[in-house]
Protein backbone atom coordinates (compact mmCIF):
# COMPACT_ATOMS: atom_id res chain seq x y z
CA UNK A 1 -72.01 54.34 20.34
CA UNK A 2 -70.86 54.73 23.92
CA UNK A 3 -70.88 51.59 26.05
CA UNK A 4 -71.61 53.72 29.10
CA UNK A 5 -75.25 53.83 30.09
CA UNK A 6 -76.58 57.25 31.06
CA UNK A 7 -77.39 57.52 34.73
CA UNK A 8 -81.16 57.41 35.23
CA UNK A 9 -82.63 60.64 36.64
CA UNK A 10 -83.08 60.86 40.39
CA UNK A 11 -85.03 64.10 40.71
CA UNK A 12 -86.78 64.61 44.07
CA UNK A 13 -90.53 64.57 44.41
CA UNK A 14 -92.22 67.59 45.96
CA UNK A 15 -95.23 68.41 48.10
CA UNK A 16 -97.58 71.40 48.07
CA UNK A 17 -99.94 71.84 51.02
CA UNK A 18 -102.35 74.29 49.37
CA UNK A 19 -105.30 75.14 51.67
CA UNK A 20 -103.72 73.25 54.58
CA UNK A 21 -100.41 75.09 54.47
CA UNK A 22 -101.07 77.55 57.31
CA UNK A 23 -102.69 74.98 59.62
CA UNK A 24 -100.02 72.37 58.86
CA UNK A 25 -97.20 74.80 59.62
CA UNK A 26 -98.77 75.41 63.03
CA UNK A 27 -98.74 71.64 63.70
CA UNK A 28 -95.08 71.11 62.84
CA UNK A 29 -93.95 71.80 66.41
CA UNK A 30 -95.48 68.55 67.70
CA UNK A 31 -92.99 66.57 65.60
CA UNK A 32 -89.91 68.59 66.54
CA UNK A 33 -88.95 66.22 69.34
CA UNK A 34 -89.39 63.00 67.39
CA UNK A 35 -86.10 61.06 67.17
CA UNK A 36 -85.69 60.99 63.41
CA UNK A 37 -83.02 58.31 63.47
CA UNK A 38 -85.39 55.96 65.24
CA UNK A 39 -88.19 56.52 62.73
CA UNK A 40 -85.83 56.14 59.77
CA UNK A 41 -84.35 52.96 61.23
CA UNK A 42 -87.81 51.37 61.24
CA UNK A 43 -87.76 51.28 57.41
CA UNK A 44 -85.35 49.08 55.46
CA UNK A 45 -84.34 50.74 52.16
CA UNK A 46 -81.09 52.34 53.32
CA UNK A 47 -79.92 49.24 55.19
CA UNK A 48 -80.74 46.82 52.36
CA UNK A 49 -79.16 49.09 49.75
CA UNK A 50 -76.08 49.81 51.84
CA UNK A 51 -75.40 46.13 52.53
CA UNK A 52 -75.85 45.35 48.84
CA UNK A 53 -73.36 48.00 47.78
CA UNK A 54 -70.74 47.05 50.40
CA UNK A 55 -70.96 43.25 50.66
CA UNK A 56 -72.94 42.34 47.54
CA UNK A 57 -72.58 38.51 47.38
CA UNK A 58 -73.44 38.03 51.05
CA UNK A 59 -76.17 40.67 51.26
CA UNK A 60 -79.86 39.98 51.78
CA UNK A 61 -80.77 41.88 48.62
CA UNK A 62 -78.34 39.81 46.52
CA UNK A 63 -80.01 36.65 47.84
CA UNK A 64 -83.44 38.07 47.04
CA UNK A 65 -82.47 39.06 43.49
CA UNK A 66 -80.88 35.66 42.86
CA UNK A 67 -84.07 33.89 43.87
CA UNK A 68 -86.14 36.28 41.73
CA UNK A 69 -84.01 35.40 38.69
CA UNK A 70 -84.45 31.70 39.40
CA UNK A 71 -88.21 32.09 39.62
CA UNK A 72 -88.31 34.11 36.40
CA UNK A 73 -86.39 31.37 34.61
CA UNK A 74 -88.64 28.63 35.97
CA UNK A 75 -92.15 29.85 35.05
CA UNK A 76 -93.98 32.10 32.60
CA UNK A 77 -96.75 33.32 34.92
CA UNK A 78 -96.94 34.05 38.63
CA UNK A 79 -100.06 34.44 40.75
CA UNK A 80 -99.45 36.68 43.76
CA UNK A 81 -101.88 36.44 46.68
CA UNK A 82 -101.41 39.04 49.41
CA UNK A 83 -103.74 39.41 52.38
CA UNK A 84 -102.46 42.83 53.42
CA UNK A 85 -102.42 46.40 52.08
CA UNK A 86 -99.00 45.58 50.63
CA UNK A 87 -100.88 43.80 47.85
CA UNK A 88 -102.11 47.18 46.64
CA UNK A 89 -98.57 48.55 46.93
CA UNK A 90 -97.38 45.74 44.66
CA UNK A 91 -100.18 46.46 42.22
CA UNK A 92 -99.10 50.09 42.15
CA UNK A 93 -95.48 49.12 41.46
CA UNK A 94 -96.56 46.75 38.68
CA UNK A 95 -98.81 49.38 37.07
CA UNK A 96 -96.31 52.22 37.18
CA UNK A 97 -92.99 50.48 36.52
CA UNK A 98 -93.84 47.73 34.02
CA UNK A 99 -95.11 47.99 30.45
CA UNK A 100 -98.82 48.94 30.50
CA UNK A 101 -99.58 45.69 28.63
CA UNK A 102 -96.91 43.54 30.26
CA UNK A 103 -99.09 40.44 30.50
CA UNK A 104 -100.07 40.65 26.82
CA UNK A 105 -96.51 40.75 25.48
CA UNK A 106 -94.63 37.66 24.37
CA UNK A 107 -92.02 36.23 26.73
CA UNK A 108 -89.28 37.62 24.51
CA UNK A 109 -90.86 41.07 24.52
CA UNK A 110 -91.05 40.85 28.31
CA UNK A 111 -87.32 40.19 28.47
CA UNK A 112 -87.93 36.67 29.76
CA UNK A 113 -89.94 37.95 32.71
CA UNK A 114 -93.13 36.14 33.79
CA UNK A 115 -96.61 37.55 33.57
CA UNK A 116 -97.87 38.73 36.96
CA UNK A 117 -101.42 38.37 38.33
CA UNK A 118 -102.09 39.94 41.74
CA UNK A 119 -105.03 38.94 43.93
CA UNK A 120 -105.43 41.25 46.92
CA UNK A 121 -107.51 39.50 49.59
CA UNK A 122 -108.37 42.03 52.29
CA UNK A 123 -111.71 40.59 53.39
CA UNK A 124 -113.41 42.28 50.43
CA UNK A 125 -111.69 40.39 47.64
CA UNK A 126 -113.44 39.43 44.41
CA UNK A 127 -114.22 35.69 44.64
CA UNK A 128 -114.80 35.48 40.90
CA UNK A 129 -111.33 36.86 40.18
CA UNK A 130 -109.78 34.43 42.63
CA UNK A 131 -111.66 31.49 41.12
CA UNK A 132 -110.73 32.60 37.61
CA UNK A 133 -107.07 32.82 38.51
CA UNK A 134 -107.22 29.30 39.94
CA UNK A 135 -108.82 28.14 36.68
CA UNK A 136 -105.93 29.59 34.67
CA UNK A 137 -103.39 27.77 36.82
CA UNK A 138 -105.32 24.49 36.68
CA UNK A 139 -105.64 24.68 32.88
CA UNK A 140 -101.84 24.76 32.42
CA UNK A 141 -100.86 21.10 32.63
CA UNK A 142 -97.89 21.01 30.26
CA UNK A 143 -94.28 20.95 31.37
CA UNK A 144 -93.49 23.50 28.65
CA UNK A 145 -91.99 26.70 30.08
CA UNK A 146 -94.79 28.82 28.58
CA UNK A 147 -97.33 26.70 30.49
CA UNK A 148 -95.63 26.85 33.87
CA UNK A 149 -97.28 28.75 36.68
CA UNK A 150 -96.14 29.67 40.15
CA UNK A 151 -97.86 31.13 43.18
CA UNK A 152 -96.44 33.51 45.77
CA UNK A 153 -98.39 33.83 49.00
CA UNK A 154 -97.47 37.00 50.91
CA UNK A 155 -98.68 36.38 54.45
CA UNK A 156 -98.52 38.80 57.35
CA UNK A 157 -95.85 37.82 59.88
CA UNK A 158 -96.70 37.17 63.51
CA UNK A 159 -95.02 39.65 65.81
CA UNK A 160 -91.44 40.44 64.84
CA UNK A 161 -90.64 37.23 62.98
CA UNK A 162 -87.94 37.21 60.34
CA UNK A 163 -89.01 38.37 56.87
CA UNK A 164 -85.96 37.21 54.95
CA UNK A 165 -86.54 35.75 51.52
CA UNK A 166 -86.47 31.91 51.43
CA UNK A 167 -83.32 30.16 50.33
CA UNK A 168 -83.14 29.44 46.61
CA UNK A 169 -82.24 25.82 47.31
CA UNK A 170 -85.73 25.13 48.71
CA UNK A 171 -87.56 26.15 45.53
CA UNK A 172 -89.80 23.57 43.82
CA UNK A 173 -89.17 23.90 40.07
CA UNK A 174 -92.06 21.68 38.95
CA UNK A 175 -94.59 23.11 36.43
CA UNK A 176 -96.63 24.48 39.32
CA UNK A 177 -94.94 25.63 42.50
CA UNK A 178 -96.10 27.45 45.61
CA UNK A 179 -93.98 29.59 47.91
CA UNK A 180 -95.07 31.49 51.02
CA UNK A 181 -93.27 34.69 52.00
CA UNK A 182 -93.70 36.80 55.12
CA UNK A 183 -94.45 40.52 55.13
CA UNK A 184 -95.07 42.98 57.94
CA UNK A 185 -98.42 43.18 59.67
CA UNK A 186 -100.93 46.00 59.37
CA UNK A 187 -101.31 49.14 57.23
CA UNK A 188 -97.98 50.61 58.36
CA UNK A 189 -96.01 47.54 57.21
CA UNK A 190 -92.72 48.31 55.48
CA UNK A 191 -93.10 48.06 51.71
CA UNK A 192 -89.30 47.86 51.40
CA UNK A 193 -89.27 44.25 52.57
CA UNK A 194 -87.49 41.31 50.88
CA UNK A 195 -90.79 39.58 50.04
CA UNK A 196 -92.14 42.65 48.21
CA UNK A 197 -88.80 43.25 46.50
CA UNK A 198 -88.60 39.63 45.33
CA UNK A 199 -92.10 39.76 43.84
CA UNK A 200 -91.42 43.06 42.10
CA UNK A 201 -88.07 41.87 40.75
CA UNK A 202 -89.67 38.76 39.24
CA UNK A 203 -91.68 41.08 36.97
CA UNK A 204 -88.57 43.04 35.96
CA UNK A 205 -88.96 46.04 38.24
CA UNK A 206 -85.62 47.64 39.15
CA UNK A 207 -85.76 47.23 42.92
CA UNK A 208 -82.29 48.71 43.41
CA UNK A 209 -83.56 52.03 42.03
CA UNK A 210 -86.72 51.60 44.10
CA UNK A 211 -84.64 51.23 47.27
CA UNK A 212 -82.49 54.16 46.18
CA UNK A 213 -85.59 56.35 46.00
CA UNK A 214 -86.72 55.24 49.45
CA UNK A 215 -83.26 55.87 50.90
CA UNK A 216 -83.22 59.36 49.33
CA UNK A 217 -86.47 60.26 51.09
CA UNK A 218 -85.13 58.91 54.37
CA UNK A 219 -82.12 61.21 54.01
CA UNK A 220 -84.37 64.21 53.36
CA UNK A 221 -86.38 63.33 56.44
CA UNK A 222 -83.30 63.04 58.63
CA UNK A 223 -81.41 66.08 57.31
CA UNK A 224 -83.97 68.73 56.27
CA UNK A 225 -85.37 71.33 58.67
CA UNK A 226 -89.01 70.82 59.57
CA UNK A 227 -90.33 73.61 57.34
CA UNK A 228 -88.84 71.97 54.20
CA UNK A 229 -89.12 68.35 55.33
CA UNK A 230 -91.68 66.52 53.11
CA UNK A 231 -92.57 63.66 55.51
CA UNK A 232 -92.96 66.03 58.47
CA UNK A 233 -95.01 68.45 56.37
CA UNK A 234 -97.28 65.64 55.18
CA UNK A 235 -97.69 64.40 58.76
CA UNK A 236 -98.54 67.93 59.89
CA UNK A 237 -101.09 68.24 57.06
CA UNK A 238 -102.68 64.96 58.14
CA UNK A 239 -103.01 66.29 61.68
CA UNK A 240 -104.30 69.66 60.47
CA UNK A 241 -106.99 67.96 58.37
CA UNK A 242 -108.50 66.06 61.32
CA UNK A 243 -111.17 64.82 61.72
CA UNK A 244 -111.11 64.49 57.95
CA UNK A 245 -108.53 62.32 56.19
CA UNK A 246 -106.26 62.90 53.22
CA UNK A 247 -107.40 60.86 50.22
CA UNK A 248 -104.95 60.29 47.37
CA UNK A 249 -106.44 60.99 43.95
CA UNK A 250 -104.79 59.87 40.73
CA UNK A 251 -106.75 61.48 37.91
CA UNK A 252 -103.47 63.14 36.88
CA UNK A 253 -101.52 59.86 37.17
CA UNK A 254 -104.08 57.13 36.37
CA UNK A 255 -101.45 54.39 36.09
CA UNK A 256 -101.00 54.68 39.85
CA UNK A 257 -104.65 54.16 40.82
CA UNK A 258 -103.88 51.04 42.92
CA UNK A 259 -101.83 53.26 45.23
CA UNK A 260 -105.08 54.94 46.36
CA UNK A 261 -106.11 51.71 48.11
CA UNK A 262 -102.72 51.31 49.76
CA UNK A 263 -102.81 54.97 50.85
CA UNK A 264 -106.36 54.65 52.24
CA UNK A 265 -105.36 51.66 54.38
CA UNK A 266 -102.97 53.96 56.28
CA UNK A 267 -105.78 56.35 57.10
CA UNK A 268 -108.07 53.74 58.63
CA UNK A 269 -106.38 53.52 62.06
CA UNK A 270 -105.65 57.26 62.16
CA UNK A 271 -108.79 59.04 60.99
CA UNK A 272 -111.97 59.61 62.99
CA UNK A 273 -114.19 56.66 62.01
CA UNK A 274 -117.28 58.81 62.39
CA UNK A 275 -116.11 61.39 59.86
CA UNK A 276 -116.61 60.72 56.13
CA UNK A 277 -114.86 63.98 55.22
CA UNK A 278 -111.85 63.90 52.91
CA UNK A 279 -109.19 66.30 51.74
CA UNK A 280 -108.13 65.31 48.19
CA UNK A 281 -104.37 64.99 47.79
CA UNK A 282 -103.62 65.01 44.07
CA UNK A 283 -100.86 62.85 42.63
CA UNK A 284 -99.24 64.49 39.60
CA UNK A 285 -96.66 63.08 37.21
CA UNK A 286 -94.85 65.68 35.10
CA UNK A 287 -93.56 63.30 32.43
CA UNK A 288 -95.23 60.43 30.55
CA UNK A 289 -94.15 56.91 31.36
CA UNK A 290 -93.10 56.18 27.80
CA UNK A 291 -91.72 58.25 24.92
CA UNK A 292 -93.92 58.87 21.87
CA UNK A 293 -96.88 61.04 21.05
CA UNK A 294 -99.58 58.36 21.33
CA UNK A 295 -102.87 58.23 19.46
CA UNK A 296 -103.26 62.01 19.40
CA UNK A 297 -100.24 62.21 17.08
CA UNK A 298 -102.51 60.93 14.31
CA UNK A 299 -104.49 64.14 14.57
CA UNK A 300 -102.93 66.97 16.55
CA UNK A 301 -100.54 67.29 19.53
CA UNK A 302 -102.27 67.22 22.88
CA UNK A 303 -102.42 70.36 24.96
CA UNK A 304 -101.12 70.23 28.55
CA UNK A 305 -104.70 70.01 29.82
CA UNK A 306 -105.42 67.04 27.52
CA UNK A 307 -102.28 65.15 28.47
CA UNK A 308 -102.86 65.56 32.21
CA UNK A 309 -99.14 66.16 32.81
CA UNK A 310 -99.31 69.80 33.87
CA UNK A 311 -97.96 71.02 37.21
CA UNK A 312 -100.75 71.56 39.77
CA UNK A 313 -101.61 75.09 40.94
CA UNK A 314 -99.88 76.19 44.12
CA UNK A 315 -103.21 76.31 45.98
CA UNK A 316 -103.73 72.54 45.69
CA UNK A 317 -102.78 69.83 48.16
CA UNK A 318 -100.62 67.71 45.88
CA UNK A 319 -97.62 65.42 45.54
CA UNK A 320 -95.63 66.07 42.36
CA UNK A 321 -93.57 63.29 40.80
CA UNK A 322 -91.01 64.14 38.10
CA UNK A 323 -92.14 60.92 36.35
CA UNK A 324 -93.55 57.52 37.19
CA UNK A 325 -90.60 55.20 37.72
CA UNK A 326 -88.92 53.12 40.42
CA UNK A 327 -86.95 55.96 41.99
CA UNK A 328 -89.89 58.34 42.36
CA UNK A 329 -92.14 55.53 43.56
CA UNK A 330 -89.60 54.61 46.24
CA UNK A 331 -89.64 58.23 47.40
CA UNK A 332 -93.44 58.27 47.47
CA UNK A 333 -93.72 55.08 49.52
CA UNK A 334 -91.15 56.31 52.03
CA UNK A 335 -92.83 59.73 52.25
CA UNK A 336 -96.15 58.17 53.11
CA UNK A 337 -94.80 55.55 55.51
CA UNK A 338 -92.75 58.05 57.50
CA UNK A 339 -95.65 60.54 57.71
CA UNK A 340 -98.13 57.86 58.81
CA UNK A 341 -95.74 56.58 61.48
CA UNK A 342 -95.18 60.12 62.75
CA UNK A 343 -98.92 60.66 63.03
CA UNK A 344 -99.45 57.32 64.75
CA UNK A 345 -96.71 58.19 67.25
CA UNK A 346 -98.25 61.60 67.89
CA UNK A 347 -101.72 60.14 68.45
CA UNK A 348 -100.30 57.49 70.77
CA UNK A 349 -98.49 60.18 72.76
CA UNK A 350 -101.69 62.19 73.15
CA UNK A 351 -103.55 59.12 74.35
CA UNK A 352 -100.92 58.38 76.97
CA UNK A 353 -100.92 62.00 78.15
CA UNK A 354 -104.72 62.03 78.40
CA UNK A 355 -104.53 59.03 80.74
CA UNK A 356 -102.06 60.82 82.96
CA UNK A 357 -99.33 58.27 82.34
CA UNK A 358 -95.68 59.15 81.71
CA UNK A 359 -94.90 59.40 78.00
CA UNK A 360 -92.49 56.86 76.56
CA UNK A 361 -89.70 57.86 74.25
CA UNK A 362 -90.57 57.65 70.56
CA UNK A 363 -87.36 55.85 69.69
CA UNK A 364 -84.29 54.34 71.22
CA UNK A 365 -81.75 56.44 69.37
CA UNK A 366 -80.67 59.99 70.01
CA UNK A 367 -82.43 62.73 68.02
CA UNK A 368 -80.33 64.12 65.21
CA UNK A 369 -80.88 67.82 64.63
CA UNK A 370 -81.33 68.97 61.03
């Protein structure tokens, strides 16, 4: 047997605009002057990954991963409380990248990784779930590793405060510990932040591949011409759909249903609040998460329609993922974040123009032509 591990696939995700294709193409021109370098620089995956590859021991990502390993070794369950849309992003990562029954496996079957319980408190949280989670933590009073709980509080940062992961030396390794981490504020907050990466890594998610996927989408955004540029095309489709909004649907990728809530949070400040109209944007995964035939193998192989893994028709507004894994999820998050920021910038520019004020530059760096 070869000791060399095969390189995991890094196929690109794709976007079909369907009924919005013609209208979206007509809206592409409004993004032609956006300084792509400035938009790309506002997201962290390329910087974090580049520093990790070049100066690994002193990099921010190395520090984050070291702390995640320490946390994983210290407890068997972690409660994650996040009062921002990033909580739904974390739920989506957990659902799509971990074993479907991660929390029901033994510690050995989880590879020594803790169970993860996420409580998203966005003003409409479930008080019974929160109280139940507190009950679970309170019931674990033993110093045995399998009884140890921890809590991560992901709080929105004020202004532009530092969001570095805390130093490992400040960690309380008692049976129950509590650590607060800072994340960005608002629906456009960067999901590629150390706090999110630390939480994901604790559960065993490969955050290096996740960052690699985000960096790959940033490269496509910076280097591709507008007519084949996924983030710019998605932004144009969002503008073409107005006053309606694009709503992500996951009937063809049900493991990613938490991403619908994260996606919808981006629409709130952009869409017309008086319009309930929606354009469904289908999320498709072309490969199953795990090998094996499943329950249908006991009877007869599933047809493509039964498995839900078929490619969508060309006349649908859809995002197609080669599979559900860290790399494709990183691409998806970056695609959405870039598109939402482009739309927000465009709307802000229109507002300034309508007031008769001089328009400010969209970024501080020089525009790089594709």
